[in-house]
N, C-alpha and C. Protein backbone atom coordinates (compact mmCIF):
# COMPACT_ATOMS: atom_id res chain seq x y z
N MET A 1 0.80 -1.09 0.42
CA MET A 1 -0.28 0.01 0.17
C MET A 1 1.00 0.99 0.11
N THR A 2 0.35 2.39 -1.12
CA THR A 2 0.96 3.33 -1.03
C THR A 2 0.41 4.35 0.27
N PHE A 3 1.19 5.53 0.38
CA PHE A 3 0.87 6.32 1.67
C PHE A 3 -0.55 7.09 0.71
N LEU A 4 0.01 7.55 -0.50
CA LEU A 4 -1.52 7.99 -1.25
C LEU A 4 -2.72 6.73 -1.07
N GLU A 5 -2.66 5.81 -1.36
CA GLU A 5 -3.37 4.66 -0.76
C GLU A 5 -4.16 4.94 0.60
N LEU A 6 -3.45 5.11 1.81
CA LEU A 6 -3.65 5.01 2.82
C LEU A 6 -4.39 6.32 3.11
N LEU A 7 -3.79 7.43 2.78
CA LEU A 7 -4.36 8.59 2.87
C LEU A 7 -5.89 8.59 2.34
N GLU A 8 -6.36 7.74 1.54
CA GLU A 8 -7.72 7.68 0.51
C GLU A 8 -8.42 7.48 1.92
N SER A 9 -7.55 5.97 2.55
CA SER A 9 -8.43 5.37 3.43
C SER A 9 -9.05 5.46 4.65
N VAL A 10 -8.57 6.45 5.17
CA VAL A 10 -8.97 7.42 6.44
C VAL A 10 -9.74 8.85 6.05
N GLY A 11 -9.97 8.66 7.40
CA GLY A 11 -11.00 10.08 7.87
C GLY A 11 -10.61 11.12 8.91
N TRP A 12 -10.73 12.43 8.62
CA TRP A 12 -10.38 12.88 9.04
C TRP A 12 -10.08 12.82 10.91
N PRO A 13 -11.48 12.74 11.11
CA PRO A 13 -11.72 12.83 12.60
C PRO A 13 -10.98 11.56 13.37
N GLU A 14 -10.60 10.80 12.66
CA GLU A 14 -9.64 9.16 13.71
C GLU A 14 -8.35 9.84 13.35
N THR A 15 -8.09 10.84 12.24
CA THR A 15 -6.53 11.08 11.75
C THR A 15 -6.45 12.29 12.74
N LYS A 16 -6.85 13.20 13.03
CA LYS A 16 -7.18 14.42 14.23
C LYS A 16 -6.93 14.00 15.53
N ALA A 17 -7.58 12.81 16.05
CA ALA A 17 -7.66 12.51 17.15
C ALA A 17 -6.20 11.77 17.97
N ILE A 18 -5.84 10.86 16.54
CA ILE A 18 -4.51 10.59 16.83
C ILE A 18 -3.50 11.62 16.83
N LEU A 19 -3.55 12.57 16.06
CA LEU A 19 -2.41 13.84 16.15
C LEU A 19 -2.82 14.76 17.57
N LEU A 20 -3.79 14.75 18.01
CA LEU A 20 -3.83 15.48 19.19
C LEU A 20 -3.24 14.03 20.19
N TRP A 21 -3.27 13.54 19.97
CA TRP A 21 -3.33 12.31 21.44
C TRP A 21 -1.73 12.13 21.38
N SER A 22 -0.98 12.15 19.94
CA SER A 22 0.40 12.01 19.91
C SER A 22 1.56 13.13 20.14
N HIS A 23 1.07 14.49 19.23
CA HIS A 23 1.27 15.86 19.47
C HIS A 23 0.18 16.88 19.87
N PRO A 24 0.08 16.82 21.51
CA PRO A 24 -1.08 17.94 21.90
C PRO A 24 -0.50 19.25 21.44
N GLU A 25 0.68 19.63 21.17
CA GLU A 25 1.33 21.26 20.97
C GLU A 25 0.51 21.21 19.41
N VAL A 26 0.01 20.19 19.07
CA VAL A 26 -0.41 20.66 17.26
C VAL A 26 -2.05 21.54 17.59
N ALA A 27 -2.72 21.53 18.71
CA ALA A 27 -4.43 21.81 18.87
C ALA A 27 -4.28 22.91 17.59
N GLU A 28 -4.01 24.08 17.98
CA GLU A 28 -3.87 25.36 17.04
C GLU A 28 -3.75 25.31 15.68
N SER A 29 -3.04 24.23 15.33
CA SER A 29 -2.72 23.91 13.96
C SER A 29 -3.88 22.93 13.25
N LEU A 30 -4.67 22.35 13.35
CA LEU A 30 -5.49 21.35 13.14
C LEU A 30 -6.07 21.85 12.03
N ASP A 31 -6.42 22.91 11.32
CA ASP A 31 -7.15 23.54 10.28
C ASP A 31 -5.65 23.22 9.13
N ASP A 32 -4.66 23.46 9.99
CA ASP A 32 -3.65 23.39 8.67
C ASP A 32 -3.34 21.78 8.32
N TYR A 33 -3.39 20.95 9.47
CA TYR A 33 -3.35 19.53 8.92
C TYR A 33 -3.99 19.18 8.00
N ARG A 34 -5.48 19.55 8.45
CA ARG A 34 -6.58 18.98 7.72
C ARG A 34 -6.56 19.70 6.15
N LEU A 35 -5.84 21.28 6.10
CA LEU A 35 -5.61 21.45 4.38
C LEU A 35 -4.77 21.17 3.81
N VAL A 36 -3.60 20.04 4.84
CA VAL A 36 -2.62 19.62 4.14
C VAL A 36 -2.93 18.13 3.38
N LEU A 37 -3.71 17.58 4.47
CA LEU A 37 -4.22 16.52 4.11
C LEU A 37 -5.12 16.64 2.79
N ALA A 38 -5.75 17.48 2.60
CA ALA A 38 -6.67 17.76 1.20
C ALA A 38 -5.78 17.59 0.12
N LYS A 39 -4.75 18.91 0.59
CA LYS A 39 -3.86 18.90 -0.60
C LYS A 39 -3.04 17.57 -0.88
N LEU A 40 -2.80 16.82 -0.35
CA LEU A 40 -2.13 15.72 -0.76
C LEU A 40 -3.09 14.36 -1.50
N ARG A 41 -4.00 14.54 -1.01
CA ARG A 41 -5.43 13.57 -1.78
C ARG A 41 -5.32 14.48 -3.39
N LYS A 42 -4.83 15.45 -3.55
CA LYS A 42 -5.17 15.94 -4.50
C LYS A 42 -3.56 16.07 -6.00
N LEU A 43 -2.21 15.62 -5.23
CA LEU A 43 -1.37 15.81 -5.89
C LEU A 43 -0.68 14.10 -6.36
N VAL A 44 -0.24 14.40 -7.47
CA VAL A 44 -0.15 12.65 -7.99
C VAL A 44 1.59 12.10 -7.57
N PRO A 45 1.44 11.29 -7.19
CA PRO A 45 2.49 10.53 -6.35
C PRO A 45 3.71 10.38 -7.73
N ILE A 46 4.82 9.99 -6.73
CA ILE A 46 6.30 9.75 -7.53
C ILE A 46 6.68 8.78 -6.91
N GLU A 47 6.64 7.58 -7.61
CA GLU A 47 7.41 6.10 -7.26
C GLU A 47 8.63 6.59 -7.01
N GLY A 48 8.85 5.75 -5.87
CA GLY A 48 10.33 5.80 -5.52
C GLY A 48 10.64 4.42 -4.59
N ASN A 49 11.89 4.16 -4.19
CA ASN A 49 12.27 2.78 -3.34
C ASN A 49 12.55 2.72 -2.20
N MET A 50 12.04 4.37 -1.53
CA MET A 50 11.67 4.04 -0.17
C MET A 50 10.72 3.93 0.13
N ARG A 51 10.53 3.36 1.52
CA ARG A 51 9.39 3.27 2.01
C ARG A 51 9.31 3.41 3.77
N ILE A 52 8.07 3.81 3.87
CA ILE A 52 7.90 4.81 5.29
C ILE A 52 7.65 3.57 6.38
N LEU A 53 8.39 4.03 7.19
CA LEU A 53 8.18 2.69 8.63
C LEU A 53 8.17 3.41 9.76
N LEU A 54 7.16 2.96 10.95
CA LEU A 54 7.02 3.88 11.82
C LEU A 54 7.76 3.02 12.83
N LYS A 55 8.01 3.65 14.14
CA LYS A 55 9.00 2.62 15.21
C LYS A 55 8.61 3.44 16.67
N GLU A 56 8.90 2.74 17.32
CA GLU A 56 8.88 3.07 18.76
C GLU A 56 10.50 3.36 19.37
N THR A 57 10.22 4.68 19.47
CA THR A 57 12.08 5.11 19.68
C THR A 57 12.03 5.87 21.25
N ILE A 58 13.06 5.31 21.95
CA ILE A 58 13.08 5.67 23.29
C ILE A 58 13.83 6.78 23.33
N ARG A 59 13.63 7.98 23.82
CA ARG A 59 14.70 9.16 23.82
C ARG A 59 15.63 8.74 24.97
N GLU A 60 16.47 9.60 24.69
CA GLU A 60 18.38 9.61 26.10
C GLU A 60 17.90 10.12 27.36
N GLY A 61 16.91 11.10 27.99
CA GLY A 61 16.61 11.12 29.31
C GLY A 61 16.05 9.80 30.05
N PRO A 62 16.11 10.36 31.56
CA PRO A 62 15.58 9.39 32.49
C PRO A 62 14.07 8.95 32.22
N ASP A 63 13.53 10.26 32.39
CA ASP A 63 12.29 11.10 32.50
C ASP A 63 11.56 10.91 30.83
N ASP A 64 12.19 10.71 30.23
CA ASP A 64 11.79 10.44 29.10
C ASP A 64 10.54 9.68 28.29
N GLU A 65 9.78 9.85 27.94
CA GLU A 65 8.90 8.41 27.16
C GLU A 65 8.84 8.24 25.93
N PRO A 66 9.28 6.81 25.40
CA PRO A 66 8.77 6.35 23.90
C PRO A 66 8.16 7.05 23.19
N PHE A 67 8.72 7.68 21.75
CA PHE A 67 7.66 8.00 20.82
C PHE A 67 7.54 7.19 19.47
N ILE A 68 6.63 7.96 18.86
CA ILE A 68 6.62 6.93 17.78
C ILE A 68 7.42 7.98 16.19
N GLU A 69 8.07 7.46 15.74
CA GLU A 69 9.27 8.08 14.64
C GLU A 69 8.91 7.37 13.47
N VAL A 70 9.15 8.26 12.50
CA VAL A 70 8.77 8.04 11.28
C VAL A 70 10.11 8.02 10.38
N VAL A 71 10.53 7.06 10.03
CA VAL A 71 12.08 7.05 8.95
C VAL A 71 11.38 6.21 7.55
N GLY A 72 12.42 6.38 6.56
CA GLY A 72 11.91 5.57 5.53
C GLY A 72 13.55 4.87 5.50
N ARG A 73 13.42 4.21 4.80
CA ARG A 73 14.09 3.30 4.43
C ARG A 73 14.09 2.29 2.75
N ASN A 74 15.28 2.26 2.20
CA ASN A 74 15.42 1.84 0.93
C ASN A 74 16.56 0.55 0.79
N GLY A 75 16.69 -0.19 1.94
CA GLY A 75 17.44 -0.88 1.90
C GLY A 75 18.90 -1.05 1.87
N GLN A 76 19.34 0.35 2.27
CA GLN A 76 21.00 0.68 2.38
C GLN A 76 21.15 0.04 3.70
N LEU A 77 22.08 -0.18 3.96
CA LEU A 77 22.85 -0.19 5.50
C LEU A 77 23.30 0.32 5.83
N ASN A 78 23.57 0.01 7.24
CA ASN A 78 24.23 1.74 7.94
C ASN A 78 26.08 1.27 7.53
N ARG A 79 26.00 0.29 7.51
CA ARG A 79 28.18 -0.24 7.23
C ARG A 79 28.13 0.79 5.95
N ASP A 80 27.18 0.74 5.01
CA ASP A 80 27.39 0.95 3.40
C ASP A 80 27.50 2.65 3.13
N GLN A 81 26.83 3.87 4.77
CA GLN A 81 27.07 4.82 4.62
C GLN A 81 28.47 5.82 4.63
N CYS A 82 28.69 6.73 3.98
CA CYS A 82 29.81 7.28 4.09
C CYS A 82 30.75 7.80 5.35
N ASP A 83 29.44 8.08 6.55
CA ASP A 83 30.06 8.37 7.33
C ASP A 83 30.03 7.40 8.46
N PHE A 84 29.62 5.93 8.65
CA PHE A 84 30.03 5.08 8.65
C PHE A 84 31.12 4.96 9.22
N LYS A 85 32.72 5.47 8.87
CA LYS A 85 33.91 5.55 9.50
C LYS A 85 33.63 5.97 10.62
N TYR A 86 33.44 6.99 11.28
CA TYR A 86 33.33 7.59 11.93
C TYR A 86 32.79 7.07 13.28
N PHE A 87 31.70 6.08 12.89
CA PHE A 87 31.37 5.74 14.16
C PHE A 87 32.01 4.41 14.17
N GLN A 88 32.57 3.16 13.25
CA GLN A 88 32.59 1.70 13.40
C GLN A 88 33.20 1.11 14.20
N ASP A 89 33.93 2.01 15.31
CA ASP A 89 34.31 1.58 16.68
C ASP A 89 33.24 1.56 17.81
N SER A 90 32.79 2.30 18.08
CA SER A 90 31.64 2.57 18.67
C SER A 90 29.91 1.71 18.67
N VAL A 91 29.85 0.98 17.23
CA VAL A 91 28.80 0.23 16.84
C VAL A 91 29.09 -1.16 16.74
N ASP A 92 27.92 -2.22 17.06
CA ASP A 92 28.18 -3.09 16.92
C ASP A 92 27.62 -3.80 15.83
N ALA A 93 27.86 -5.25 15.25
CA ALA A 93 27.63 -5.68 14.03
C ALA A 93 26.20 -5.63 13.45
N GLU A 94 25.33 -5.80 14.77
CA GLU A 94 24.02 -5.74 14.45
C GLU A 94 23.33 -3.95 13.82
N TYR A 95 23.82 -3.49 14.12
CA TYR A 95 23.95 -1.94 13.70
C TYR A 95 24.54 -1.70 12.51
N ALA A 96 25.48 -1.94 12.36
CA ALA A 96 25.87 -2.20 10.97
C ALA A 96 25.14 -2.58 9.71
N ASN A 97 24.94 -4.12 10.46
CA ASN A 97 23.92 -4.87 9.14
C ASN A 97 22.55 -3.86 8.98
N ALA A 98 22.43 -3.25 9.80
CA ALA A 98 20.51 -2.78 9.73
C ALA A 98 20.42 -1.90 8.23
N GLU A 99 19.51 -2.08 8.38
CA GLU A 99 19.11 -0.99 7.23
C GLU A 99 18.79 0.54 8.07
N THR A 100 19.79 1.62 7.06
CA THR A 100 19.83 2.49 7.34
C THR A 100 18.50 3.67 7.58
N ASP A 101 18.33 4.49 8.71
CA ASP A 101 16.92 4.73 8.93
C ASP A 101 17.05 6.28 8.09
N PHE A 102 16.58 6.43 6.81
CA PHE A 102 16.50 8.26 6.57
C PHE A 102 15.33 9.21 7.56
N SER A 103 15.66 10.28 7.56
CA SER A 103 14.32 11.31 7.41
C SER A 103 14.01 11.25 6.34
N LEU A 104 12.60 11.84 6.21
CA LEU A 104 11.53 11.94 5.28
C LEU A 104 10.89 13.73 5.50
N SER A 105 11.42 14.31 6.33
CA SER A 105 10.58 15.19 6.76
C SER A 105 10.90 16.63 5.05
N LEU A 106 11.63 16.15 4.72
CA LEU A 106 12.82 17.23 3.64
C LEU A 106 12.43 16.70 2.13
N GLU A 107 11.75 15.70 2.60
CA GLU A 107 11.12 15.15 0.92
C GLU A 107 9.84 15.76 0.43
N PRO A 108 9.95 15.86 -0.82
CA PRO A 108 8.59 16.40 -1.30
C PRO A 108 7.92 15.84 -1.17
N TRP A 109 6.43 16.08 -1.30
CA TRP A 109 5.34 15.47 -0.95
C TRP A 109 4.96 14.82 -1.81
N GLU A 110 5.25 14.72 -3.17
CA GLU A 110 4.76 13.66 -3.91
C GLU A 110 5.46 12.34 -3.79
N HIS A 111 6.80 12.59 -3.39
CA HIS A 111 7.39 11.60 -3.46
C HIS A 111 7.12 10.74 -2.08
N TRP A 112 6.43 11.73 -1.01
CA TRP A 112 6.12 10.95 0.38
C TRP A 112 4.84 10.02 -0.31
N LEU A 113 3.48 10.34 -1.13
CA LEU A 113 2.67 10.08 -1.59
C LEU A 113 3.27 8.50 -2.67
N GLY A 114 4.27 8.02 -3.13
CA GLY A 114 4.74 7.34 -3.66
C GLY A 114 5.10 5.92 -2.91
N MET A 115 5.67 6.60 -1.82
CA MET A 115 6.01 5.63 -1.20
C MET A 115 5.69 4.74 -0.44
N ARG A 116 6.08 3.43 -0.62
CA ARG A 116 5.21 2.42 -0.22
C ARG A 116 5.16 2.03 1.36
N ILE A 117 4.57 2.05 2.32
CA ILE A 117 4.25 1.58 3.85
C ILE A 117 4.76 0.45 4.24
N ASP A 118 5.93 0.44 4.86
CA ASP A 118 6.29 -1.14 5.42
C ASP A 118 5.29 -2.10 5.80
N ALA A 119 5.49 -3.00 5.59
CA ALA A 119 4.60 -4.27 5.76
C ALA A 119 4.64 -4.34 7.46
N GLY A 120 5.68 -4.55 7.90
CA GLY A 120 5.43 -4.47 9.51
C GLY A 120 5.00 -2.98 10.02
N THR A 121 4.53 -2.08 9.19
CA THR A 121 4.11 -0.64 10.38
C THR A 121 2.73 -0.99 9.87
N VAL A 122 2.21 -1.69 8.39
CA VAL A 122 0.83 -1.47 8.67
C VAL A 122 0.58 -2.73 9.25
N ASP A 123 1.31 -4.06 9.80
CA ASP A 123 0.93 -4.53 10.68
C ASP A 123 0.50 -4.53 12.05
N GLU A 124 1.75 -3.63 12.31
CA GLU A 124 1.68 -3.21 13.77
C GLU A 124 0.71 -1.84 14.19
N PHE A 125 0.38 -0.96 13.29
CA PHE A 125 -0.27 0.58 13.11
C PHE A 125 -1.27 0.46 12.58
N ALA A 126 -2.57 1.09 13.10
CA ALA A 126 -3.95 1.48 12.31
C ALA A 126 -3.79 1.87 11.57
N ALA A 127 -4.38 2.60 10.28
CA ALA A 127 -4.59 3.27 9.21
C ALA A 127 -4.43 4.84 9.50
N PRO A 128 -5.39 4.82 10.43
CA PRO A 128 -5.12 6.57 10.80
C PRO A 128 -3.84 7.04 11.97
N GLN A 129 -3.58 5.74 12.58
CA GLN A 129 -2.18 5.93 13.04
C GLN A 129 -0.80 6.66 12.19
N ILE A 130 -1.14 5.88 10.99
CA ILE A 130 0.08 5.95 10.12
C ILE A 130 0.63 7.11 9.85
N ALA A 131 -1.06 7.74 9.19
CA ALA A 131 -1.33 9.01 8.28
C ALA A 131 -1.08 10.45 9.61
N ALA A 132 -1.54 10.07 10.33
CA ALA A 132 -0.92 11.38 11.46
C ALA A 132 0.14 11.16 11.72
N HIS A 133 1.06 10.04 11.91
CA HIS A 133 2.39 10.41 12.38
C HIS A 133 3.09 10.99 11.33
N CYS A 134 2.72 10.22 10.25
CA CYS A 134 3.34 10.83 8.59
C CYS A 134 2.99 12.47 8.26
N LEU A 135 1.69 12.53 8.86
CA LEU A 135 1.61 14.29 8.27
C LEU A 135 1.98 15.36 9.43
N TRP A 136 2.80 14.52 10.23
CA TRP A 136 2.98 15.36 11.98
C TRP A 136 4.98 15.33 11.12
N ASP A 137 5.65 14.14 10.82
CA ASP A 137 6.50 14.07 10.41
C ASP A 137 6.38 15.06 8.26
N LEU A 138 5.99 15.14 7.98
CA LEU A 138 5.92 15.64 6.53
C LEU A 138 5.58 17.47 6.61
N THR A 139 4.95 17.44 7.86
CA THR A 139 4.81 19.25 7.90
C THR A 139 5.83 19.75 8.98
N PHE A 140 6.67 18.97 9.44
CA PHE A 140 7.62 19.26 10.51
C PHE A 140 8.58 20.71 9.67
N HIS A 141 8.74 21.08 8.60
CA HIS A 141 9.15 22.13 8.49
C HIS A 141 8.44 23.30 7.40
N GLY A 142 6.93 23.39 7.65
CA GLY A 142 6.01 23.92 7.12
C GLY A 142 4.92 23.24 6.70
N PHE A 143 3.54 24.08 6.25
CA PHE A 143 2.16 22.95 5.65
C PHE A 143 2.46 23.69 4.59
N GLU A 144 3.34 24.35 4.25
CA GLU A 144 3.26 24.54 2.24
C GLU A 144 4.64 23.81 1.57
N GLN A 145 4.33 23.11 0.69
CA GLN A 145 5.93 22.69 -0.13
C GLN A 145 6.81 23.63 -0.06
N TRP A 146 6.37 24.84 -0.46
CA TRP A 146 7.95 25.54 -0.25
C TRP A 146 8.54 25.78 1.00
N GLN A 147 7.79 25.87 1.99
CA GLN A 147 8.47 26.33 3.23
C GLN A 147 9.50 24.68 3.54
N VAL A 148 9.15 23.67 3.30
CA VAL A 148 9.88 22.69 3.26
C VAL A 148 10.88 22.93 2.23
N GLN A 149 10.76 23.16 0.65
CA GLN A 149 11.62 23.45 -0.24
C GLN A 149 13.04 24.63 0.28
N GLU A 150 12.08 26.00 1.29
CA GLU A 150 13.26 26.80 1.48
C GLU A 150 14.16 26.13 2.43
N THR A 151 13.82 25.35 3.38
CA THR A 151 14.40 24.37 4.27
C THR A 151 15.63 23.72 3.60
N MET A 152 15.32 23.14 2.78
CA MET A 152 16.33 22.25 1.79
C MET A 152 16.92 22.63 1.26
N ASP A 153 16.97 24.41 0.30
CA ASP A 153 17.83 25.37 0.21
C ASP A 153 18.65 25.48 0.87
N GLU A 154 17.90 26.06 2.04
CA GLU A 154 18.89 26.77 3.31
C GLU A 154 19.96 25.63 3.53
N ILE A 155 20.20 24.33 3.54
CA ILE A 155 20.59 23.42 3.48
C ILE A 155 22.04 23.15 3.14
N LYS A 156 21.21 22.84 1.38
CA LYS A 156 22.27 22.85 0.54
C LYS A 156 23.00 24.26 0.52
N ARG A 157 22.82 25.76 0.63
CA ARG A 157 23.75 26.50 0.90
C ARG A 157 24.37 26.35 1.24
N ARG A 158 24.34 25.98 2.82
CA ARG A 158 25.39 25.84 3.59
C ARG A 158 26.33 24.85 3.66
N VAL A 159 26.07 23.89 3.00
CA VAL A 159 27.02 22.22 2.71
C VAL A 159 27.92 23.21 1.44
N ASP A 160 26.93 23.81 0.48
CA ASP A 160 27.34 24.76 -0.84
C ASP A 160 28.91 25.30 -0.20
N GLU A 161 28.91 25.98 0.68
CA GLU A 161 29.16 27.32 1.43
C GLU A 161 30.77 26.53 1.84
N ILE A 162 30.55 25.21 2.83
CA ILE A 162 31.40 24.71 3.33
C ILE A 162 32.42 23.66 2.25
N ASP A 163 32.05 23.32 1.34
CA ASP A 163 32.55 22.63 0.20
C ASP A 163 33.29 23.95 -0.53
N ALA A 164 33.32 24.55 -0.70
CA ALA A 164 33.88 25.66 -1.37
C ALA A 164 34.81 26.18 -0.34
N MET A 165 34.93 26.21 0.77
CA MET A 165 36.36 26.49 1.71
C MET A 165 37.46 26.27 1.48
N THR A 166 38.61 26.89 1.90
CA THR A 166 39.96 26.14 1.55
C THR A 166 40.28 25.35 2.63
N GLU A 167 41.15 24.79 2.37
CA GLU A 167 41.44 23.73 3.88
C GLU A 167 42.04 24.60 5.41
N GLU A 168 42.25 26.08 4.74
CA GLU A 168 42.99 26.83 5.81
C GLU A 168 41.67 27.24 6.63
N GLU A 169 40.43 28.01 6.03
CA GLU A 169 38.96 28.20 6.00
C GLU A 169 38.83 27.27 6.88
N ARG A 170 38.58 26.12 6.64
CA ARG A 170 38.34 24.64 7.06
C ARG A 170 38.41 24.86 8.53
N LYS A 171 39.96 24.94 8.67
CA LYS A 171 40.55 24.60 10.24
C LYS A 171 40.00 25.55 10.69
N GLU A 172 39.94 26.66 10.48
CA GLU A 172 40.08 27.88 11.40
C GLU A 172 38.11 28.39 11.89
N LYS A 173 36.96 27.60 10.71
CA LYS A 173 35.73 27.59 11.28
C LYS A 173 35.16 26.76 11.38
N LEU A 174 36.12 25.62 11.40
CA LEU A 174 35.00 24.32 11.81
C LEU A 174 35.23 23.16 13.23
N ILE A 175 34.83 22.57 13.05
CA ILE A 175 35.13 21.87 14.80
C ILE A 175 35.40 20.36 13.88
N PRO A 176 36.46 19.81 14.16
CA PRO A 176 36.74 18.34 13.35
C PRO A 176 35.91 17.10 13.79
N MET A 177 35.36 16.61 13.75
CA MET A 177 34.52 15.38 13.86
C MET A 177 34.75 14.54 15.26
N GLU A 178 36.40 14.23 15.34
CA GLU A 178 36.59 13.96 16.79
C GLU A 178 37.01 15.11 17.91
N GLU A 179 36.72 16.11 17.65
CA GLU A 179 36.48 16.91 18.70
C GLU A 179 35.47 16.97 18.96
N VAL A 180 34.52 17.15 18.30
CA VAL A 180 32.89 16.90 18.53
C VAL A 180 32.65 15.71 18.95
N MET A 181 32.94 14.26 18.76
CA MET A 181 32.73 13.29 19.39
C MET A 181 33.30 13.24 20.91
N ARG A 182 34.22 14.04 21.09
CA ARG A 182 34.99 14.00 22.56
C ARG A 182 34.53 15.04 23.16
N LYS A 183 33.68 15.98 22.68
CA LYS A 183 32.89 17.16 23.49
C LYS A 183 31.34 16.17 24.20
N LEU A 184 31.39 15.30 23.47
CA LEU A 184 29.41 14.57 23.51
C LEU A 184 30.16 13.36 24.47
N GLU A 185 31.29 12.71 24.56
CA GLU A 185 31.61 12.01 25.46
C GLU A 185 30.62 11.71 26.72
N SER A 186 30.36 11.02 27.24
CA SER A 186 30.10 11.18 29.02
C SER A 186 31.04 11.58 30.07
N PRO A 187 30.60 12.48 30.88
CA PRO A 187 31.34 12.75 31.77
C PRO A 187 31.99 11.74 32.57
N GLU A 188 31.32 10.19 32.89
CA GLU A 188 31.60 9.10 33.42
C GLU A 188 32.98 8.60 32.95
N LYS A 189 32.66 8.64 31.38
CA LYS A 189 33.94 8.41 29.89
C LYS A 189 35.60 8.69 30.82
N LYS A 190 35.16 10.24 30.64
CA LYS A 190 36.35 11.03 30.89
C LYS A 190 36.65 10.90 32.02
N GLN A 191 36.43 10.60 33.06
CA GLN A 191 37.12 10.28 34.82
C GLN A 191 37.71 9.34 34.87
């Protein structure tokens, strides 16, 4: 089932209830979500190899509750990612051989609509749950596609700016990954 097919199978009242239950802070934006849902149903989907998966994720803090996270997967493994070399000493084989979770929040909405819903997600979650969590994620950067595109353009601009730096400028303005990791190291390990 594609995301568009799923959206066509759900009603707004059920989706709205799950949005409010999962993300109470959206109460003032419900009309915006309803309008996005209506817009999505009118767009033409673009198929791809990414599939949508919902999973329960545990936050880091001791008092933090688990939450439902929306990710995309396309068969790529963590060990095959270009930045894996920075983490290979701190992860196990299970993580290395697992599929990479991608954020979908900056994907064009037509791409979302053409994505298939992961079979495990369809088995574990009701259609309105999937719709609500996906709506929240795809509107994370705004309720209009141009807002999402503006965010993507800004990220690309910053990447291009870094790519254009000389080695000297990089040393002066950027923090090496090793230093970032050292600063993030837990206080217990430092002692």
